[in-house]
PDB file of all heavy atoms in Angstrom:
ATOM      1  N   ILE A   1      -9.230   0.601  -8.887  1.00  0.00           N
ATOM      2  CA  ILE A   1      -8.532   0.701 -10.166  1.00  0.00           C
ATOM      3  C   ILE A   1      -9.503   0.510 -11.327  1.00  0.00           C
ATOM      4  O   ILE A   1     -10.340  -0.390 -11.305  1.00  0.00           O
ATOM      5  CB  ILE A   1      -7.423  -0.378 -10.254  1.00  0.00           C
ATOM      6  CG1 ILE A   1      -6.379  -0.173  -9.161  1.00  0.00           C
ATOM      7  CG2 ILE A   1      -6.798  -0.448 -11.610  1.00  0.00           C
ATOM      8  CD1 ILE A   1      -5.512   1.034  -9.344  1.00  0.00           C
ATOM      9  N   ASP A   2      -9.367   1.350 -12.340  1.00  0.00           N
ATOM     10  CA  ASP A   2     -10.123   1.233 -13.586  1.00  0.00           C
ATOM     11  C   ASP A   2      -9.229   0.502 -14.592  1.00  0.00           C
ATOM     12  O   ASP A   2      -8.218   1.044 -15.041  1.00  0.00           O
ATOM     13  CB  ASP A   2     -10.484   2.632 -14.090  1.00  0.00           C
ATOM     14  CG  ASP A   2     -11.217   2.633 -15.416  1.00  0.00           C
ATOM     15  OD1 ASP A   2     -11.173   1.629 -16.155  1.00  0.00           O
ATOM     16  OD2 ASP A   2     -11.825   3.672 -15.739  1.00  0.00           O
ATOM     17  N   ASN A   3      -9.609  -0.720 -14.932  1.00  0.00           N
ATOM     18  CA  ASN A   3      -8.773  -1.549 -15.807  1.00  0.00           C
ATOM     19  C   ASN A   3      -8.520  -0.935 -17.174  1.00  0.00           C
ATOM     20  O   ASN A   3      -7.448  -1.121 -17.746  1.00  0.00           O
ATOM     21  CB  ASN A   3      -9.382  -2.951 -15.968  1.00  0.00           C
ATOM     22  CG  ASN A   3      -9.182  -3.790 -14.734  1.00  0.00           C
ATOM     23  OD1 ASN A   3      -8.194  -3.648 -14.014  1.00  0.00           O
ATOM     24  ND2 ASN A   3     -10.133  -4.674 -14.469  1.00  0.00           N
ATOM     25  N   SER A   4      -9.484  -0.182 -17.712  1.00  0.00           N
ATOM     26  CA  SER A   4      -9.274   0.414 -19.033  1.00  0.00           C
ATOM     27  C   SER A   4      -8.189   1.504 -18.972  1.00  0.00           C
ATOM     28  O   SER A   4      -7.381   1.634 -19.893  1.00  0.00           O
ATOM     29  CB  SER A   4     -10.578   0.980 -19.601  1.00  0.00           C
ATOM     30  OG  SER A   4     -11.045   2.063 -18.830  1.00  0.00           O
ATOM     31  N   ARG A   5      -8.161   2.255 -17.878  1.00  0.00           N
ATOM     32  CA  ARG A   5      -7.105   3.259 -17.705  1.00  0.00           C
ATOM     33  C   ARG A   5      -5.737   2.584 -17.578  1.00  0.00           C
ATOM     34  O   ARG A   5      -4.765   3.038 -18.169  1.00  0.00           O
ATOM     35  CB  ARG A   5      -7.373   4.121 -16.458  1.00  0.00           C
ATOM     36  CG  ARG A   5      -8.497   5.113 -16.629  1.00  0.00           C
ATOM     37  CD  ARG A   5      -8.789   5.871 -15.340  1.00  0.00           C
ATOM     38  NE  ARG A   5      -7.648   6.538 -14.749  1.00  0.00           N
ATOM     39  CZ  ARG A   5      -7.195   7.732 -15.114  1.00  0.00           C
ATOM     40  NH1 ARG A   5      -7.793   8.393 -16.094  1.00  0.00           N
ATOM     41  NH2 ARG A   5      -6.153   8.275 -14.510  1.00  0.00           N
ATOM     42  N   ILE A   6      -5.698   1.511 -16.815  1.00  0.00           N
ATOM     43  CA  ILE A   6      -4.441   0.785 -16.629  1.00  0.00           C
ATOM     44  C   ILE A   6      -3.960   0.257 -17.966  1.00  0.00           C
ATOM     45  O   ILE A   6      -2.767   0.343 -18.294  1.00  0.00           O
ATOM     46  CB  ILE A   6      -4.609  -0.368 -15.609  1.00  0.00           C
ATOM     47  CG1 ILE A   6      -5.013   0.173 -14.234  1.00  0.00           C
ATOM     48  CG2 ILE A   6      -3.337  -1.213 -15.530  1.00  0.00           C
ATOM     49  CD1 ILE A   6      -4.042   1.154 -13.621  1.00  0.00           C
ATOM     50  N   GLN A   7      -4.864  -0.293 -18.758  1.00  0.00           N
ATOM     51  CA  GLN A   7      -4.467  -0.843 -20.056  1.00  0.00           C
ATOM     52  C   GLN A   7      -3.910   0.245 -20.983  1.00  0.00           C
ATOM     53  O   GLN A   7      -2.919   0.031 -21.681  1.00  0.00           O
ATOM     54  CB  GLN A   7      -5.650  -1.551 -20.730  1.00  0.00           C
ATOM     55  CG  GLN A   7      -5.253  -2.361 -21.938  1.00  0.00           C
ATOM     56  CD  GLN A   7      -4.181  -3.398 -21.618  1.00  0.00           C
ATOM     57  OE1 GLN A   7      -4.327  -4.196 -20.719  1.00  0.00           O
ATOM     58  NE2 GLN A   7      -3.082  -3.362 -22.367  1.00  0.00           N
ATOM     59  N   LYS A   8      -4.540   1.429 -20.972  1.00  0.00           N
ATOM     60  CA  LYS A   8      -4.026   2.543 -21.783  1.00  0.00           C
ATOM     61  C   LYS A   8      -2.623   2.937 -21.337  1.00  0.00           C
ATOM     62  O   LYS A   8      -1.736   3.189 -22.162  1.00  0.00           O
ATOM     63  CB  LYS A   8      -4.966   3.748 -21.693  1.00  0.00           C
ATOM     64  CG  LYS A   8      -6.282   3.565 -22.425  1.00  0.00           C
ATOM     65  CD  LYS A   8      -7.203   4.746 -22.183  1.00  0.00           C
ATOM     66  CE  LYS A   8      -8.577   4.486 -22.770  1.00  0.00           C
ATOM     67  NZ  LYS A   8      -9.521   5.559 -22.453  1.00  0.00           N
ATOM     68  N   MET A   9      -2.420   3.000 -20.006  1.00  0.00           N
ATOM     69  CA  MET A   9      -1.088   3.329 -19.488  1.00  0.00           C
ATOM     70  C   MET A   9      -0.076   2.268 -19.886  1.00  0.00           C
ATOM     71  O   MET A   9       1.039   2.591 -20.311  1.00  0.00           O
ATOM     72  CB  MET A   9      -1.117   3.450 -17.955  1.00  0.00           C
ATOM     73  CG  MET A   9      -1.733   4.716 -17.467  1.00  0.00           C
ATOM     74  SD  MET A   9      -1.629   4.988 -15.666  1.00  0.00           S
ATOM     75  CE  MET A   9      -1.134   3.468 -14.974  1.00  0.00           C
ATOM     76  N   LEU A  10      -0.453   1.010 -19.741  1.00  0.00           N
ATOM     77  CA  LEU A  10       0.454  -0.089 -20.089  1.00  0.00           C
ATOM     78  C   LEU A  10       0.835  -0.047 -21.559  1.00  0.00           C
ATOM     79  O   LEU A  10       2.006  -0.249 -21.908  1.00  0.00           O
ATOM     80  CB  LEU A  10      -0.194  -1.435 -19.761  1.00  0.00           C
ATOM     81  CG  LEU A  10      -0.226  -1.829 -18.299  1.00  0.00           C
ATOM     82  CD1 LEU A  10      -1.037  -3.104 -18.108  1.00  0.00           C
ATOM     83  CD2 LEU A  10       1.170  -2.000 -17.741  1.00  0.00           C
ATOM     84  N   ASP A  11      -0.132   0.214 -22.403  1.00  0.00           N
ATOM     85  CA  ASP A  11       0.150   0.284 -23.843  1.00  0.00           C
ATOM     86  C   ASP A  11       1.194   1.363 -24.138  1.00  0.00           C
ATOM     87  O   ASP A  11       2.136   1.131 -24.906  1.00  0.00           O
ATOM     88  CB  ASP A  11      -1.131   0.562 -24.630  1.00  0.00           C
ATOM     89  CG  ASP A  11      -2.099  -0.615 -24.643  1.00  0.00           C
ATOM     90  OD1 ASP A  11      -1.672  -1.749 -24.348  1.00  0.00           O
ATOM     91  OD2 ASP A  11      -3.280  -0.387 -24.964  1.00  0.00           O
ATOM     92  N   ILE A  12       1.038   2.519 -23.526  1.00  0.00           N
ATOM     93  CA  ILE A  12       1.990   3.613 -23.752  1.00  0.00           C
ATOM     94  C   ILE A  12       3.360   3.244 -23.202  1.00  0.00           C
ATOM     95  O   ILE A  12       4.380   3.413 -23.877  1.00  0.00           O
ATOM     96  CB  ILE A  12       1.462   4.926 -23.137  1.00  0.00           C
ATOM     97  CG1 ILE A  12       0.197   5.380 -23.883  1.00  0.00           C
ATOM     98  CG2 ILE A  12       2.545   6.010 -23.178  1.00  0.00           C
ATOM     99  CD1 ILE A  12      -0.566   6.511 -23.206  1.00  0.00           C
ATOM    100  N   LYS A  13       3.392   2.719 -21.986  1.00  0.00           N
ATOM    101  CA  LYS A  13       4.668   2.334 -21.378  1.00  0.00           C
ATOM    102  C   LYS A  13       5.387   1.280 -22.219  1.00  0.00           C
ATOM    103  O   LYS A  13       6.595   1.389 -22.449  1.00  0.00           O
ATOM    104  CB  LYS A  13       4.451   1.802 -19.957  1.00  0.00           C
ATOM    105  CG  LYS A  13       4.059   2.867 -18.956  1.00  0.00           C
ATOM    106  CD  LYS A  13       3.798   2.237 -17.585  1.00  0.00           C
ATOM    107  CE  LYS A  13       3.359   3.254 -16.567  1.00  0.00           C
ATOM    108  NZ  LYS A  13       3.166   2.660 -15.238  1.00  0.00           N
ATOM    109  N   LEU A  14       4.651   0.285 -22.666  1.00  0.00           N
ATOM    110  CA  LEU A  14       5.271  -0.770 -23.475  1.00  0.00           C
ATOM    111  C   LEU A  14       5.816  -0.222 -24.788  1.00  0.00           C
ATOM    112  O   LEU A  14       6.884  -0.629 -25.243  1.00  0.00           O
ATOM    113  CB  LEU A  14       4.267  -1.894 -23.746  1.00  0.00           C
ATOM    114  CG  LEU A  14       4.018  -2.828 -22.574  1.00  0.00           C
ATOM    115  CD1 LEU A  14       2.859  -3.759 -22.873  1.00  0.00           C
ATOM    116  CD2 LEU A  14       5.283  -3.621 -22.241  1.00  0.00           C
ATOM    117  N   ARG A  15       5.071   0.700 -25.390  1.00  0.00           N
ATOM    118  CA  ARG A  15       5.555   1.305 -26.644  1.00  0.00           C
ATOM    119  C   ARG A  15       6.857   2.066 -26.411  1.00  0.00           C
ATOM    120  O   ARG A  15       7.752   2.043 -27.255  1.00  0.00           O
ATOM    121  CB  ARG A  15       4.481   2.206 -27.232  1.00  0.00           C
ATOM    122  CG  ARG A  15       3.288   1.402 -27.785  1.00  0.00           C
ATOM    123  CD  ARG A  15       2.177   2.276 -28.284  1.00  0.00           C
ATOM    124  NE  ARG A  15       2.619   3.033 -29.462  1.00  0.00           N
ATOM    125  CZ  ARG A  15       1.959   4.066 -29.958  1.00  0.00           C
ATOM    126  NH1 ARG A  15       0.827   4.470 -29.398  1.00  0.00           N
ATOM    127  NH2 ARG A  15       2.410   4.690 -31.008  1.00  0.00           N
ATOM    128  N   VAL A  16       6.986   2.713 -25.248  1.00  0.00           N
ATOM    129  CA  VAL A  16       8.232   3.421 -24.924  1.00  0.00           C
ATOM    130  C   VAL A  16       9.350   2.408 -24.677  1.00  0.00           C
ATOM    131  O   VAL A  16      10.448   2.536 -25.235  1.00  0.00           O
ATOM    132  CB  VAL A  16       8.054   4.352 -23.702  1.00  0.00           C
ATOM    133  CG1 VAL A  16       9.397   4.928 -23.251  1.00  0.00           C
ATOM    134  CG2 VAL A  16       7.076   5.468 -24.030  1.00  0.00           C
ATOM    135  N   PHE A  17       9.100   1.410 -23.846  1.00  0.00           N
ATOM    136  CA  PHE A  17      10.128   0.410 -23.545  1.00  0.00           C
ATOM    137  C   PHE A  17      10.575  -0.338 -24.796  1.00  0.00           C
ATOM    138  O   PHE A  17      11.749  -0.678 -24.937  1.00  0.00           O
ATOM    139  CB  PHE A  17       9.630  -0.596 -22.500  1.00  0.00           C
ATOM    140  CG  PHE A  17       9.767  -0.119 -21.083  1.00  0.00           C
ATOM    141  CD1 PHE A  17       8.653   0.103 -20.300  1.00  0.00           C
ATOM    142  CD2 PHE A  17      11.018   0.109 -20.522  1.00  0.00           C
ATOM    143  CE1 PHE A  17       8.772   0.540 -18.993  1.00  0.00           C
ATOM    144  CE2 PHE A  17      11.154   0.542 -19.214  1.00  0.00           C
ATOM    145  CZ  PHE A  17      10.023   0.759 -18.445  1.00  0.00           C
ATOM    146  N   ASN A  18       9.632  -0.591 -25.721  1.00  0.00           N
ATOM    147  CA  ASN A  18       9.959  -1.311 -26.957  1.00  0.00           C
ATOM    148  C   ASN A  18      10.472  -0.392 -28.056  1.00  0.00           C
ATOM    149  O   ASN A  18      10.651  -0.807 -29.195  1.00  0.00           O
ATOM    150  CB  ASN A  18       8.738  -2.092 -27.449  1.00  0.00           C
ATOM    151  CG  ASN A  18       8.386  -3.236 -26.526  1.00  0.00           C
ATOM    152  OD1 ASN A  18       9.256  -3.838 -25.895  1.00  0.00           O
ATOM    153  ND2 ASN A  18       7.102  -3.533 -26.421  1.00  0.00           N
ATOM    154  N   LYS A  19      10.647   0.901 -27.709  1.00  0.00           N
ATOM    155  CA  LYS A  19      11.194   1.912 -28.623  1.00  0.00           C
ATOM    156  C   LYS A  19      10.331   2.075 -29.884  1.00  0.00           C
ATOM    157  O   LYS A  19      10.820   2.388 -30.952  1.00  0.00           O
ATOM    158  CB  LYS A  19      12.638   1.583 -29.000  1.00  0.00           C
ATOM    159  CG  LYS A  19      13.530   1.316 -27.805  1.00  0.00           C
ATOM    160  CD  LYS A  19      14.689   2.249 -27.765  1.00  0.00           C
ATOM    161  CE  LYS A  19      15.674   1.927 -26.672  1.00  0.00           C
ATOM    162  NZ  LYS A  19      15.296   2.326 -25.355  1.00  0.00           N
ATOM    163  N   GLU A  20       9.021   1.878 -29.711  1.00  0.00           N
ATOM    164  CA  GLU A  20       8.078   2.080 -30.809  1.00  0.00           C
ATOM    165  C   GLU A  20       7.630   3.538 -30.879  1.00  0.00           C
ATOM    166  O   GLU A  20       7.049   3.959 -31.878  1.00  0.00           O
ATOM    167  CB  GLU A  20       6.843   1.185 -30.610  1.00  0.00           C
ATOM    168  CG  GLU A  20       7.155  -0.294 -30.660  1.00  0.00           C
ATOM    169  CD  GLU A  20       5.970  -1.141 -30.214  1.00  0.00           C
ATOM    170  OE1 GLU A  20       4.861  -0.598 -30.000  1.00  0.00           O
ATOM    171  OE2 GLU A  20       6.163  -2.358 -30.078  1.00  0.00           O
ATOM    172  N   ILE A  21       7.872   4.264 -29.803  1.00  0.00           N
ATOM    173  CA  ILE A  21       7.481   5.659 -29.709  1.00  0.00           C
ATOM    174  C   ILE A  21       8.534   6.370 -28.841  1.00  0.00           C
ATOM    175  O   ILE A  21       9.073   5.774 -27.922  1.00  0.00           O
ATOM    176  CB  ILE A  21       6.054   5.790 -29.089  1.00  0.00           C
ATOM    177  CG1 ILE A  21       5.542   7.223 -29.141  1.00  0.00           C
ATOM    178  CG2 ILE A  21       5.991   5.210 -27.706  1.00  0.00           C
ATOM    179  CD1 ILE A  21       4.074   7.351 -28.718  1.00  0.00           C
ATOM    180  N   THR A  22       8.817   7.604 -29.159  1.00  0.00           N
ATOM    181  CA  THR A  22       9.790   8.351 -28.361  1.00  0.00           C
ATOM    182  C   THR A  22       9.142   8.789 -27.051  1.00  0.00           C
ATOM    183  O   THR A  22       7.908   8.954 -26.990  1.00  0.00           O
ATOM    184  CB  THR A  22      10.297   9.602 -29.103  1.00  0.00           C
ATOM    185  OG1 THR A  22       9.199  10.526 -29.232  1.00  0.00           O
ATOM    186  CG2 THR A  22      10.885   9.252 -30.462  1.00  0.00           C
ATOM    187  N   PRO A  23       9.947   9.007 -26.025  1.00  0.00           N
ATOM    188  CA  PRO A  23       9.363   9.520 -24.783  1.00  0.00           C
ATOM    189  C   PRO A  23       8.618  10.840 -24.987  1.00  0.00           C
ATOM    190  O   PRO A  23       7.568  11.051 -24.379  1.00  0.00           O
ATOM    191  CB  PRO A  23      10.587   9.692 -23.870  1.00  0.00           C
ATOM    192  CG  PRO A  23      11.548   8.640 -24.349  1.00  0.00           C
ATOM    193  CD  PRO A  23      11.358   8.624 -25.849  1.00  0.00           C
ATOM    194  N   ALA A  24       9.129  11.699 -25.851  1.00  0.00           N
ATOM    195  CA  ALA A  24       8.450  12.984 -26.093  1.00  0.00           C
ATOM    196  C   ALA A  24       7.069  12.769 -26.711  1.00  0.00           C
ATOM    197  O   ALA A  24       6.091  13.401 -26.305  1.00  0.00           O
ATOM    198  CB  ALA A  24       9.306  13.864 -27.002  1.00  0.00           C
ATOM    199  N   ASP A  25       6.977  11.868 -27.697  1.00  0.00           N
ATOM    200  CA  ASP A  25       5.678  11.578 -28.304  1.00  0.00           C
ATOM    201  C   ASP A  25       4.752  10.881 -27.309  1.00  0.00           C
ATOM    202  O   ASP A  25       3.546  11.134 -27.287  1.00  0.00           O
ATOM    203  CB  ASP A  25       5.850  10.729 -29.565  1.00  0.00           C
ATOM    204  CG  ASP A  25       6.446  11.514 -30.723  1.00  0.00           C
ATOM    205  OD1 ASP A  25       6.370  12.757 -30.708  1.00  0.00           O
ATOM    206  OD2 ASP A  25       7.009  10.869 -31.644  1.00  0.00           O
ATOM    207  N   ALA A  26       5.323  10.026 -26.486  1.00  0.00           N
ATOM    208  CA  ALA A  26       4.528   9.331 -25.472  1.00  0.00           C
ATOM    209  C   ALA A  26       3.969  10.325 -24.457  1.00  0.00           C
ATOM    210  O   ALA A  26       2.822  10.205 -24.023  1.00  0.00           O
ATOM    211  CB  ALA A  26       5.377   8.270 -24.777  1.00  0.00           C
ATOM    212  N   ARG A  27       4.774  11.313 -24.105  1.00  0.00           N
ATOM    213  CA  ARG A  27       4.323  12.328 -23.146  1.00  0.00           C
ATOM    214  C   ARG A  27       3.133  13.103 -23.711  1.00  0.00           C
ATOM    215  O   ARG A  27       2.154  13.373 -22.998  1.00  0.00           O
ATOM    216  CB  ARG A  27       5.478  13.264 -22.821  1.00  0.00           C
ATOM    217  CG  ARG A  27       5.169  14.243 -21.727  1.00  0.00           C
ATOM    218  CD  ARG A  27       6.430  14.959 -21.333  1.00  0.00           C
ATOM    219  NE  ARG A  27       6.181  15.998 -20.380  1.00  0.00           N
ATOM    220  CZ  ARG A  27       7.066  16.874 -20.004  1.00  0.00           C
ATOM    221  NH1 ARG A  27       8.283  16.830 -20.500  1.00  0.00           N
ATOM    222  NH2 ARG A  27       6.755  17.787 -19.135  1.00  0.00           N
ATOM    223  N   LYS A  28       3.199  13.452 -24.992  1.00  0.00           N
ATOM    224  CA  LYS A  28       2.064  14.131 -25.634  1.00  0.00           C
ATOM    225  C   LYS A  28       0.821  13.247 -25.581  1.00  0.00           C
ATOM    226  O   LYS A  28      -0.282  13.715 -25.278  1.00  0.00           O
ATOM    227  CB  LYS A  28       2.400  14.471 -27.083  1.00  0.00           C
ATOM    228  CG  LYS A  28       3.402  15.582 -27.237  1.00  0.00           C
ATOM    229  CD  LYS A  28       3.725  15.815 -28.705  1.00  0.00           C
ATOM    230  CE  LYS A  28       4.952  16.697 -28.861  1.00  0.00           C
ATOM    231  NZ  LYS A  28       5.464  16.729 -30.214  1.00  0.00           N
ATOM    232  N   LEU A  29       1.004  11.966 -25.888  1.00  0.00           N
ATOM    233  CA  LEU A  29      -0.103  11.020 -25.873  1.00  0.00           C
ATOM    234  C   LEU A  29      -0.688  10.878 -24.467  1.00  0.00           C
ATOM    235  O   LEU A  29      -1.913  10.868 -24.293  1.00  0.00           O
ATOM    236  CB  LEU A  29       0.366   9.664 -26.407  1.00  0.00           C
ATOM    237  CG  LEU A  29      -0.667   8.559 -26.529  1.00  0.00           C
ATOM    238  CD1 LEU A  29      -1.827   8.985 -27.428  1.00  0.00           C
ATOM    239  CD2 LEU A  29      -0.011   7.298 -27.071  1.00  0.00           C
ATOM    240  N   VAL A  30       0.166  10.783 -23.478  1.00  0.00           N
ATOM    241  CA  VAL A  30      -0.297  10.687 -22.089  1.00  0.00           C
ATOM    242  C   VAL A  30      -1.094  11.930 -21.720  1.00  0.00           C
ATOM    243  O   VAL A  30      -2.173  11.837 -21.130  1.00  0.00           O
ATOM    244  CB  VAL A  30       0.902  10.485 -21.127  1.00  0.00           C
ATOM    245  CG1 VAL A  30       0.506  10.789 -19.685  1.00  0.00           C
ATOM    246  CG2 VAL A  30       1.447   9.069 -21.244  1.00  0.00           C
ATOM    247  N   ASN A  31      -0.575  13.104 -22.066  1.00  0.00           N
ATOM    248  CA  ASN A  31      -1.263  14.352 -21.718  1.00  0.00           C
ATOM    249  C   ASN A  31      -2.597  14.490 -22.433  1.00  0.00           C
ATOM    250  O   ASN A  31      -3.518  15.111 -21.903  1.00  0.00           O
ATOM    251  CB  ASN A  31      -0.365  15.553 -22.007  1.00  0.00           C
ATOM    252  CG  ASN A  31       0.805  15.653 -21.051  1.00  0.00           C
ATOM    253  OD1 ASN A  31       0.787  15.068 -19.970  1.00  0.00           O
ATOM    254  ND2 ASN A  31       1.837  16.364 -21.445  1.00  0.00           N
TER     255      ASN A  31
END
C-alpha cells in the first residue's frame, strides 16, 4: 500500500460523506 494514495482516497471519500462535495464532482476528482 502507498500511504499517500490512501490519504488522497480518504480525503475524497470523507468530503463525499461529509457532503462537502457532490458525488459527481468527487468522481471527476478521482478520475
